[in-house]
């Protein structure tokens, strides 16, 4: 299993719209990507900062997620809301 921790910031005032859109995308990811184990977003103590925790069965599932039409479409909407680059930490399951 492969896990991803994705840290990101949104522009001031965009947190609610970002959270609403990504909540819908979470449902799509979990229902339409067979290699996805879970896809969850979290608020932090900073209203403009979010963390996504994702898990996939294998690297092929991670690659399929990144290449999916729904991720491309989502980035058209949420991309302009982002404030800076995503910080991605990749985890490989040990036990």
PDB file of N, CA and C in Angstrom:
ATOM      1  N   UNK A   1       0.843  -1.168   0.000  1.00  0.00           N
ATOM      2  CA  UNK A   1       0.000   0.000   0.000  1.00  0.00           C
ATOM      3  C   UNK A   1       0.893   1.238   0.000  1.00  0.00           C
ATOM      4  N   UNK A   2       0.423   2.263  -0.689  1.00  0.00           N
ATOM      5  CA  UNK A   2       1.134   3.539  -0.768  1.00  0.00           C
ATOM      6  C   UNK A   2       0.228   4.621  -0.193  1.00  0.00           C
ATOM      7  N   UNK A   3       0.772   5.424   0.708  1.00  0.00           N
ATOM      8  CA  UNK A   3       0.040   6.534   1.284  1.00  0.00           C
ATOM      9  C   UNK A   3       0.620   7.848   0.813  1.00  0.00           C
ATOM     10  N   UNK A   4      -0.217   8.842   0.750  1.00  0.00           N
ATOM     11  CA  UNK A   4       0.220  10.199   0.418  1.00  0.00           C
ATOM     12  C   UNK A   4      -0.307  11.146   1.478  1.00  0.00           C
ATOM     13  N   UNK A   5       0.552  12.028   1.921  1.00  0.00           N
ATOM     14  CA  UNK A   5       0.151  13.160   2.742  1.00  0.00           C
ATOM     15  C   UNK A   5       0.374  14.385   1.874  1.00  0.00           C
ATOM     16  N   UNK A   6      -0.698  15.103   1.593  1.00  0.00           N
ATOM     17  CA  UNK A   6      -0.608  16.273   0.721  1.00  0.00           C
ATOM     18  C   UNK A   6      -0.969  17.505   1.547  1.00  0.00           C
ATOM     19  N   UNK A   7      -0.002  18.397   1.688  1.00  0.00           N
ATOM     20  CA  UNK A   7      -0.215  19.639   2.422  1.00  0.00           C
ATOM     21  C   UNK A   7      -0.376  20.762   1.399  1.00  0.00           C
ATOM     22  N   UNK A   8      -1.361  21.621   1.636  1.00  0.00           N
ATOM     23  CA  UNK A   8      -1.587  22.712   0.690  1.00  0.00           C
ATOM     24  C   UNK A   8      -2.195  23.904   1.386  1.00  0.00           C
ATOM     25  N   UNK A   9      -2.036  25.031   0.733  1.00  0.00           N
ATOM     26  CA  UNK A   9      -2.637  26.282   1.204  1.00  0.00           C
ATOM     27  C   UNK A   9      -3.534  26.816   0.105  1.00  0.00           C
ATOM     28  N   UNK A  10      -4.602  27.474   0.535  1.00  0.00           N
ATOM     29  CA  UNK A  10      -5.473  28.164  -0.416  1.00  0.00           C
ATOM     30  C   UNK A  10      -5.375  29.660  -0.144  1.00  0.00           C
ATOM     31  N   UNK A  11      -5.746  30.433  -1.145  1.00  0.00           N
ATOM     32  CA  UNK A  11      -5.743  31.887  -0.983  1.00  0.00           C
ATOM     33  C   UNK A  11      -6.778  32.275   0.073  1.00  0.00           C
ATOM     34  N   UNK A  12      -6.479  33.345   0.768  1.00  0.00           N
ATOM     35  CA  UNK A  12      -7.362  33.803   1.842  1.00  0.00           C
ATOM     36  C   UNK A  12      -8.788  33.937   1.329  1.00  0.00           C
ATOM     37  N   UNK A  13      -9.725  33.403   2.090  1.00  0.00           N
ATOM     38  CA  UNK A  13     -11.135  33.477   1.725  1.00  0.00           C
ATOM     39  C   UNK A  13     -11.621  32.354   0.822  1.00  0.00           C
ATOM     40  N   UNK A  14     -10.732  31.470   0.398  1.00  0.00           N
ATOM     41  CA  UNK A  14     -11.104  30.386  -0.519  1.00  0.00           C
ATOM     42  C   UNK A  14     -11.328  29.041   0.187  1.00  0.00           C
ATOM     43  N   UNK A  15     -11.131  28.999   1.502  1.00  0.00           N
ATOM     44  CA  UNK A  15     -11.193  27.736   2.225  1.00  0.00           C
ATOM     45  C   UNK A  15     -12.517  27.002   2.103  1.00  0.00           C
ATOM     46  N   UNK A  16     -13.625  27.714   2.246  1.00  0.00           N
ATOM     47  CA  UNK A  16     -14.937  27.069   2.196  1.00  0.00           C
ATOM     48  C   UNK A  16     -15.206  26.497   0.806  1.00  0.00           C
ATOM     49  N   UNK A  17     -14.962  27.281  -0.227  1.00  0.00           N
ATOM     50  CA  UNK A  17     -15.187  26.800  -1.599  1.00  0.00           C
ATOM     51  C   UNK A  17     -14.280  25.621  -1.914  1.00  0.00           C
ATOM     52  N   UNK A  18     -13.024  25.693  -1.469  1.00  0.00           N
ATOM     53  CA  UNK A  18     -12.090  24.594  -1.702  1.00  0.00           C
ATOM     54  C   UNK A  18     -12.580  23.327  -1.010  1.00  0.00           C
ATOM     55  N   UNK A  19     -12.971  23.441   0.249  1.00  0.00           N
ATOM     56  CA  UNK A  19     -13.430  22.272   1.009  1.00  0.00           C
ATOM     57  C   UNK A  19     -14.669  21.655   0.378  1.00  0.00           C
ATOM     58  N   UNK A  20     -15.606  22.474  -0.062  1.00  0.00           N
ATOM     59  CA  UNK A  20     -16.827  21.951  -0.687  1.00  0.00           C
ATOM     60  C   UNK A  20     -16.499  21.200  -1.969  1.00  0.00           C
ATOM     61  N   UNK A  21     -15.643  21.763  -2.788  1.00  0.00           N
ATOM     62  CA  UNK A  21     -15.314  21.114  -4.055  1.00  0.00           C
ATOM     63  C   UNK A  21     -14.539  19.813  -3.822  1.00  0.00           C
ATOM     64  N   UNK A  22     -13.579  19.841  -2.939  1.00  0.00           N
ATOM     65  CA  UNK A  22     -12.780  18.639  -2.728  1.00  0.00           C
ATOM     66  C   UNK A  22     -13.565  17.548  -2.007  1.00  0.00           C
ATOM     67  N   UNK A  23     -14.572  17.913  -1.226  1.00  0.00           N
ATOM     68  CA  UNK A  23     -15.439  16.895  -0.609  1.00  0.00           C
ATOM     69  C   UNK A  23     -16.181  16.125  -1.693  1.00  0.00           C
ATOM     70  N   UNK A  24     -16.669  16.819  -2.706  1.00  0.00           N
ATOM     71  CA  UNK A  24     -17.333  16.136  -3.837  1.00  0.00           C
ATOM     72  C   UNK A  24     -16.338  15.259  -4.584  1.00  0.00           C
ATOM     73  N   UNK A  25     -15.111  15.765  -4.778  1.00  0.00           N
ATOM     74  CA  UNK A  25     -14.112  14.977  -5.478  1.00  0.00           C
ATOM     75  C   UNK A  25     -13.734  13.733  -4.686  1.00  0.00           C
ATOM     76  N   UNK A  26     -13.717  13.834  -3.369  1.00  0.00           N
ATOM     77  CA  UNK A  26     -13.395  12.685  -2.533  1.00  0.00           C
ATOM     78  C   UNK A  26     -14.355  11.535  -2.799  1.00  0.00           C
ATOM     79  N   UNK A  27     -15.625  11.855  -2.899  1.00  0.00           N
ATOM     80  CA  UNK A  27     -16.624  10.817  -3.195  1.00  0.00           C
ATOM     81  C   UNK A  27     -16.346  10.179  -4.553  1.00  0.00           C
ATOM     82  N   UNK A  28     -16.020  10.997  -5.542  1.00  0.00           N
ATOM     83  CA  UNK A  28     -15.721  10.480  -6.879  1.00  0.00           C
ATOM     84  C   UNK A  28     -14.500   9.576  -6.849  1.00  0.00           C
ATOM     85  N   UNK A  29     -13.438  10.015  -6.189  1.00  0.00           N
ATOM     86  CA  UNK A  29     -12.215   9.216  -6.111  1.00  0.00           C
ATOM     87  C   UNK A  29     -12.511   7.866  -5.469  1.00  0.00           C
ATOM     88  N   UNK A  30     -13.191   7.892  -4.340  1.00  0.00           N
ATOM     89  CA  UNK A  30     -13.428   6.646  -3.613  1.00  0.00           C
ATOM     90  C   UNK A  30     -14.396   5.713  -4.339  1.00  0.00           C
ATOM     91  N   UNK A  31     -15.314   6.261  -5.128  1.00  0.00           N
ATOM     92  CA  UNK A  31     -16.281   5.406  -5.812  1.00  0.00           C
ATOM     93  C   UNK A  31     -15.843   4.993  -7.213  1.00  0.00           C
ATOM     94  N   UNK A  32     -14.937   5.733  -7.847  1.00  0.00           N
ATOM     95  CA  UNK A  32     -14.590   5.446  -9.239  1.00  0.00           C
ATOM     96  C   UNK A  32     -13.161   4.963  -9.455  1.00  0.00           C
ATOM     97  N   UNK A  33     -12.347   4.977  -8.421  1.00  0.00           N
ATOM     98  CA  UNK A  33     -10.973   4.513  -8.575  1.00  0.00           C
ATOM     99  C   UNK A  33     -10.804   3.199  -7.813  1.00  0.00           C
ATOM    100  N   UNK A  34     -10.764   2.085  -8.535  1.00  0.00           N
ATOM    101  CA  UNK A  34     -10.702   0.793  -7.848  1.00  0.00           C
ATOM    102  C   UNK A  34      -9.457   0.594  -6.989  1.00  0.00           C
ATOM    103  N   UNK A  35      -8.373   1.246  -7.294  1.00  0.00           N
ATOM    104  CA  UNK A  35      -7.148   1.089  -6.513  1.00  0.00           C
ATOM    105  C   UNK A  35      -7.039   2.040  -5.339  1.00  0.00           C
ATOM    106  N   UNK A  36      -8.045   2.896  -5.144  1.00  0.00           N
ATOM    107  CA  UNK A  36      -8.027   3.832  -4.028  1.00  0.00           C
ATOM    108  C   UNK A  36      -8.569   3.147  -2.781  1.00  0.00           C
ATOM    109  N   UNK A  37      -7.842   3.275  -1.678  1.00  0.00           N
ATOM    110  CA  UNK A  37      -8.278   2.723  -0.396  1.00  0.00           C
ATOM    111  C   UNK A  37      -9.055   3.792   0.378  1.00  0.00           C
ATOM    112  N   UNK A  38      -8.512   4.996   0.444  1.00  0.00           N
ATOM    113  CA  UNK A  38      -9.254   6.125   0.994  1.00  0.00           C
ATOM    114  C   UNK A  38      -8.656   7.430   0.498  1.00  0.00           C
ATOM    115  N   UNK A  39      -9.478   8.477   0.572  1.00  0.00           N
ATOM    116  CA  UNK A  39      -9.104   9.813   0.112  1.00  0.00           C
ATOM    117  C   UNK A  39      -9.838  10.789   1.019  1.00  0.00           C
ATOM    118  N   UNK A  40      -9.133  11.386   1.967  1.00  0.00           N
ATOM    119  CA  UNK A  40      -9.770  12.244   2.960  1.00  0.00           C
ATOM    120  C   UNK A  40      -9.047  13.580   3.077  1.00  0.00           C
ATOM    121  N   UNK A  41      -9.820  14.622   3.274  1.00  0.00           N
ATOM    122  CA  UNK A  41      -9.259  15.950   3.474  1.00  0.00           C
ATOM    123  C   UNK A  41      -9.522  16.432   4.883  1.00  0.00           C
ATOM    124  N   UNK A  42      -8.602  17.208   5.425  1.00  0.00           N
ATOM    125  CA  UNK A  42      -8.694  17.679   6.804  1.00  0.00           C
ATOM    126  C   UNK A  42      -8.385  19.168   6.889  1.00  0.00           C
ATOM    127  N   UNK A  43      -9.154  19.836   7.750  1.00  0.00           N
ATOM    128  CA  UNK A  43      -8.811  21.199   8.127  1.00  0.00           C
ATOM    129  C   UNK A  43      -7.616  21.145   9.077  1.00  0.00           C
ATOM    130  N   UNK A  44      -6.871  22.224   9.143  1.00  0.00           N
ATOM    131  CA  UNK A  44      -5.813  22.374  10.141  1.00  0.00           C
ATOM    132  C   UNK A  44      -6.207  23.532  11.055  1.00  0.00           C
ATOM    133  N   UNK A  45      -5.328  23.927  11.938  1.00  0.00           N
ATOM    134  CA  UNK A  45      -5.630  25.072  12.797  1.00  0.00           C
ATOM    135  C   UNK A  45      -5.513  26.406  12.051  1.00  0.00           C
ATOM    136  N   UNK A  46      -5.066  26.349  10.811  1.00  0.00           N
ATOM    137  CA  UNK A  46      -4.984  27.522   9.929  1.00  0.00           C
ATOM    138  C   UNK A  46      -6.120  27.393   8.912  1.00  0.00           C
ATOM    139  N   UNK A  47      -7.055  28.342   8.847  1.00  0.00           N
ATOM    140  CA  UNK A  47      -8.204  28.206   7.952  1.00  0.00           C
ATOM    141  C   UNK A  47      -7.848  28.179   6.461  1.00  0.00           C
ATOM    142  N   UNK A  48      -6.628  28.530   6.135  1.00  0.00           N
ATOM    143  CA  UNK A  48      -6.199  28.513   4.732  1.00  0.00           C
ATOM    144  C   UNK A  48      -5.292  27.331   4.417  1.00  0.00           C
ATOM    145  N   UNK A  49      -5.123  26.412   5.357  1.00  0.00           N
ATOM    146  CA  UNK A  49      -4.241  25.257   5.164  1.00  0.00           C
ATOM    147  C   UNK A  49      -5.042  23.962   5.320  1.00  0.00           C
ATOM    148  N   UNK A  50      -4.769  23.022   4.448  1.00  0.00           N
ATOM    149  CA  UNK A  50      -5.454  21.733   4.449  1.00  0.00           C
ATOM    150  C   UNK A  50      -4.428  20.621   4.319  1.00  0.00           C
ATOM    151  N   UNK A  51      -4.834  19.431   4.747  1.00  0.00           N
ATOM    152  CA  UNK A  51      -4.032  18.233   4.569  1.00  0.00           C
ATOM    153  C   UNK A  51      -4.942  17.158   3.997  1.00  0.00           C
ATOM    154  N   UNK A  52      -4.479  16.505   2.944  1.00  0.00           N
ATOM    155  CA  UNK A  52      -5.187  15.353   2.386  1.00  0.00           C
ATOM    156  C   UNK A  52      -4.400  14.104   2.739  1.00  0.00           C
ATOM    157  N   UNK A  53      -5.110  13.085   3.203  1.00  0.00           N
ATOM    158  CA  UNK A  53      -4.517  11.777   3.443  1.00  0.00           C
ATOM    159  C   UNK A  53      -5.126  10.825   2.426  1.00  0.00           C
ATOM    160  N   UNK A  54      -4.265  10.181   1.664  1.00  0.00           N
ATOM    161  CA  UNK A  54      -4.717   9.297   0.598  1.00  0.00           C
ATOM    162  C   UNK A  54      -3.996   7.964   0.714  1.00  0.00           C
ATOM    163  N   UNK A  55      -4.668   6.893   0.333  1.00  0.00           N
ATOM    164  CA  UNK A  55      -4.019   5.580   0.306  1.00  0.00           C
ATOM    165  C   UNK A  55      -4.458   4.842  -0.948  1.00  0.00           C
ATOM    166  N   UNK A  56      -3.509   4.152  -1.553  1.00  0.00           N
ATOM    167  CA  UNK A  56      -3.731   3.418  -2.798  1.00  0.00           C
ATOM    168  C   UNK A  56      -3.132   2.025  -2.674  1.00  0.00           C
ATOM    169  N   UNK A  57      -3.698   1.084  -3.406  1.00  0.00           N
ATOM    170  CA  UNK A  57      -3.215  -0.294  -3.349  1.00  0.00           C
ATOM    171  C   UNK A  57      -1.786  -0.437  -3.848  1.00  0.00           C
ATOM    172  N   UNK A  58      -1.419   0.347  -4.876  1.00  0.00           N
ATOM    173  CA  UNK A  58      -0.086   0.221  -5.462  1.00  0.00           C
ATOM    174  C   UNK A  58       0.237   1.472  -6.283  1.00  0.00           C
ATOM    175  N   UNK A  59       1.430   1.511  -6.861  1.00  0.00           N
ATOM    176  CA  UNK A  59       1.856   2.682  -7.638  1.00  0.00           C
ATOM    177  C   UNK A  59       0.990   2.878  -8.869  1.00  0.00           C
ATOM    178  N   UNK A  60       0.526   1.802  -9.470  1.00  0.00           N
ATOM    179  CA  UNK A  60      -0.353   1.934 -10.636  1.00  0.00           C
ATOM    180  C   UNK A  60      -1.628   2.695 -10.275  1.00  0.00           C
ATOM    181  N   UNK A  61      -2.149   2.468  -9.079  1.00  0.00           N
ATOM    182  CA  UNK A  61      -3.353   3.185  -8.641  1.00  0.00           C
ATOM    183  C   UNK A  61      -3.055   4.665  -8.394  1.00  0.00           C
ATOM    184  N   UNK A  62      -1.871   4.964  -7.848  1.00  0.00           N
ATOM    185  CA  UNK A  62      -1.458   6.360  -7.652  1.00  0.00           C
ATOM    186  C   UNK A  62      -1.363   7.055  -9.015  1.00  0.00           C
ATOM    187  N   UNK A  63      -0.734   6.377  -9.965  1.00  0.00           N
ATOM    188  CA  UNK A  63      -0.572   6.946 -11.309  1.00  0.00           C
ATOM    189  C   UNK A  63      -1.923   7.154 -11.985  1.00  0.00           C
ATOM    190  N   UNK A  64      -2.827   6.183 -11.830  1.00  0.00           N
ATOM    191  CA  UNK A  64      -4.159   6.293 -12.433  1.00  0.00           C
ATOM    192  C   UNK A  64      -4.923   7.475 -11.832  1.00  0.00           C
ATOM    193  N   UNK A  65      -4.780   7.674 -10.542  1.00  0.00           N
ATOM    194  CA  UNK A  65      -5.430   8.816  -9.890  1.00  0.00           C
ATOM    195  C   UNK A  65      -4.931  10.121 -10.506  1.00  0.00           C
ATOM    196  N   UNK A  66      -3.621  10.265 -10.589  1.00  0.00           N
ATOM    197  CA  UNK A  66      -3.044  11.490 -11.125  1.00  0.00           C
ATOM    198  C   UNK A  66      -3.407  11.758 -12.575  1.00  0.00           C
ATOM    199  N   UNK A  67      -3.665  10.699 -13.329  1.00  0.00           N
ATOM    200  CA  UNK A  67      -3.989  10.835 -14.748  1.00  0.00           C
ATOM    201  C   UNK A  67      -5.490  10.860 -15.023  1.00  0.00           C
ATOM    202  N   UNK A  68      -6.310  10.773 -13.979  1.00  0.00           N
ATOM    203  CA  UNK A  68      -7.762  10.662 -14.182  1.00  0.00           C
ATOM    204  C   UNK A  68      -8.374  11.970 -14.668  1.00  0.00           C
ATOM    205  N   UNK A  69      -9.460  11.831 -15.406  1.00  0.00           N
ATOM    206  CA  UNK A  69     -10.177  12.994 -15.920  1.00  0.00           C
ATOM    207  C   UNK A  69     -10.772  13.824 -14.782  1.00  0.00           C
ATOM    208  N   UNK A  70     -11.235  13.153 -13.714  1.00  0.00           N
ATOM    209  CA  UNK A  70     -11.852  13.922 -12.625  1.00  0.00           C
ATOM    210  C   UNK A  70     -10.817  14.742 -11.852  1.00  0.00           C
ATOM    211  N   UNK A  71      -9.577  14.282 -11.765  1.00  0.00           N
ATOM    212  CA  UNK A  71      -8.541  15.091 -11.119  1.00  0.00           C
ATOM    213  C   UNK A  71      -8.195  16.287 -12.010  1.00  0.00           C
ATOM    214  N   UNK A  72      -8.071  16.054 -13.303  1.00  0.00           N
ATOM    215  CA  UNK A  72      -7.795  17.164 -14.227  1.00  0.00           C
ATOM    216  C   UNK A  72      -8.899  18.217 -14.161  1.00  0.00           C
ATOM    217  N   UNK A  73     -10.141  17.757 -14.140  1.00  0.00           N
ATOM    218  CA  UNK A  73     -11.272  18.685 -14.066  1.00  0.00           C
ATOM    219  C   UNK A  73     -11.265  19.439 -12.737  1.00  0.00           C
ATOM    220  N   UNK A  74     -10.985  18.729 -11.658  1.00  0.00           N
ATOM    221  CA  UNK A  74     -10.943  19.370 -10.342  1.00  0.00           C
ATOM    222  C   UNK A  74      -9.864  20.439 -10.288  1.00  0.00           C
ATOM    223  N   UNK A  75      -8.714  20.156 -10.871  1.00  0.00           N
ATOM    224  CA  UNK A  75      -7.624  21.129 -10.844  1.00  0.00           C
ATOM    225  C   UNK A  75      -7.966  22.398 -11.622  1.00  0.00           C
ATOM    226  N   UNK A  76      -8.842  22.290 -12.614  1.00  0.00           N
ATOM    227  CA  UNK A  76      -9.296  23.491 -13.315  1.00  0.00           C
ATOM    228  C   UNK A  76     -10.024  24.425 -12.349  1.00  0.00           C
ATOM    229  N   UNK A  77     -10.766  23.833 -11.423  1.00  0.00           N
ATOM    230  CA  UNK A  77     -11.535  24.615 -10.460  1.00  0.00           C
ATOM    231  C   UNK A  77     -10.702  25.025  -9.261  1.00  0.00           C
ATOM    232  N   UNK A  78     -10.021  24.066  -8.635  1.00  0.00           N
ATOM    233  CA  UNK A  78      -9.307  24.388  -7.394  1.00  0.00           C
ATOM    234  C   UNK A  78      -7.914  24.955  -7.630  1.00  0.00           C
ATOM    235  N   UNK A  79      -7.346  24.714  -8.794  1.00  0.00           N
ATOM    236  CA  UNK A  79      -6.006  25.232  -9.085  1.00  0.00           C
ATOM    237  C   UNK A  79      -5.874  26.721  -8.819  1.00  0.00           C
ATOM    238  N   UNK A  80      -6.813  27.550  -9.310  1.00  0.00           N
ATOM    239  CA  UNK A  80      -6.712  28.989  -9.048  1.00  0.00           C
ATOM    240  C   UNK A  80      -6.898  29.364  -7.574  1.00  0.00           C
ATOM    241  N   UNK A  81      -7.458  28.455  -6.775  1.00  0.00           N
ATOM    242  CA  UNK A  81      -7.642  28.730  -5.344  1.00  0.00           C
ATOM    243  C   UNK A  81      -6.358  28.502  -4.550  1.00  0.00           C
ATOM    244  N   UNK A  82      -5.438  27.731  -5.104  1.00  0.00           N
ATOM    245  CA  UNK A  82      -4.231  27.360  -4.366  1.00  0.00           C
ATOM    246  C   UNK A  82      -3.278  28.531  -4.207  1.00  0.00           C
ATOM    247  N   UNK A  83      -2.621  28.543  -3.073  1.00  0.00           N
ATOM    248  CA  UNK A  83      -1.620  29.564  -2.765  1.00  0.00           C
ATOM    249  C   UNK A  83      -0.278  28.852  -2.617  1.00  0.00           C
ATOM    250  N   UNK A  84       0.406  28.668  -3.731  1.00  0.00           N
ATOM    251  CA  UNK A  84       1.694  27.973  -3.717  1.00  0.00           C
ATOM    252  C   UNK A  84       1.570  26.533  -4.164  1.00  0.00           C
ATOM    253  N   UNK A  85       2.692  25.846  -4.096  1.00  0.00           N
ATOM    254  CA  UNK A  85       2.763  24.455  -4.545  1.00  0.00           C
ATOM    255  C   UNK A  85       2.270  23.498  -3.471  1.00  0.00           C
ATOM    256  N   UNK A  86       1.828  22.335  -3.921  1.00  0.00           N
ATOM    257  CA  UNK A  86       1.470  21.257  -3.004  1.00  0.00           C
ATOM    258  C   UNK A  86       2.745  20.669  -2.419  1.00  0.00           C
ATOM    259  N   UNK A  87       2.684  20.259  -1.176  1.00  0.00           N
ATOM    260  CA  UNK A  87       3.784  19.526  -0.559  1.00  0.00           C
ATOM    261  C   UNK A  87       3.303  18.088  -0.394  1.00  0.00           C
ATOM    262  N   UNK A  88       3.965  17.154  -1.071  1.00  0.00           N
ATOM    263  CA  UNK A  88       3.532  15.761  -1.065  1.00  0.00           C
ATOM    264  C   UNK A  88       4.594  14.894  -0.399  1.00  0.00           C
ATOM    265  N   UNK A  89       4.168  14.114   0.577  1.00  0.00           N
ATOM    266  CA  UNK A  89       5.020  13.130   1.225  1.00  0.00           C
ATOM    267  C   UNK A  89       4.471  11.758   0.850  1.00  0.00           C
ATOM    268  N   UNK A  90       5.314  10.912   0.283  1.00  0.00           N
ATOM    269  CA  UNK A  90       4.906   9.561  -0.115  1.00  0.00           C
ATOM    270  C   UNK A  90       5.335   8.567   0.954  1.00  0.00           C
ATOM    271  N   UNK A  91       4.395   7.716   1.332  1.00  0.00           N
ATOM    272  CA  UNK A  91       4.637   6.709   2.373  1.00  0.00           C
ATOM    273  C   UNK A  91       4.492   5.323   1.773  1.00  0.00           C
ATOM    274  N   UNK A  92       5.406   4.440   2.113  1.00  0.00           N
ATOM    275  CA  UNK A  92       5.300   3.039   1.715  1.00  0.00           C
ATOM    276  C   UNK A  92       5.044   2.220   2.972  1.00  0.00           C
ATOM    277  N   UNK A  93       3.998   1.420   2.923  1.00  0.00           N
ATOM    278  CA  UNK A  93       3.599   0.641   4.104  1.00  0.00           C
ATOM    279  C   UNK A  93       4.698  -0.343   4.506  1.00  0.00           C
ATOM    280  N   UNK A  94       4.989  -0.374   5.796  1.00  0.00           N
ATOM    281  CA  UNK A  94       6.003  -1.266   6.336  1.00  0.00           C
ATOM    282  C   UNK A  94       5.337  -2.482   6.965  1.00  0.00           C
ATOM    283  N   UNK A  95       4.327  -2.293   7.763  1.00  0.00           N
ATOM    284  CA  UNK A  95       3.628  -3.422   8.366  1.00  0.00           C
ATOM    285  C   UNK A  95       2.147  -3.196   8.291  1.00  0.00           C
TER     286      UNK A  95
END
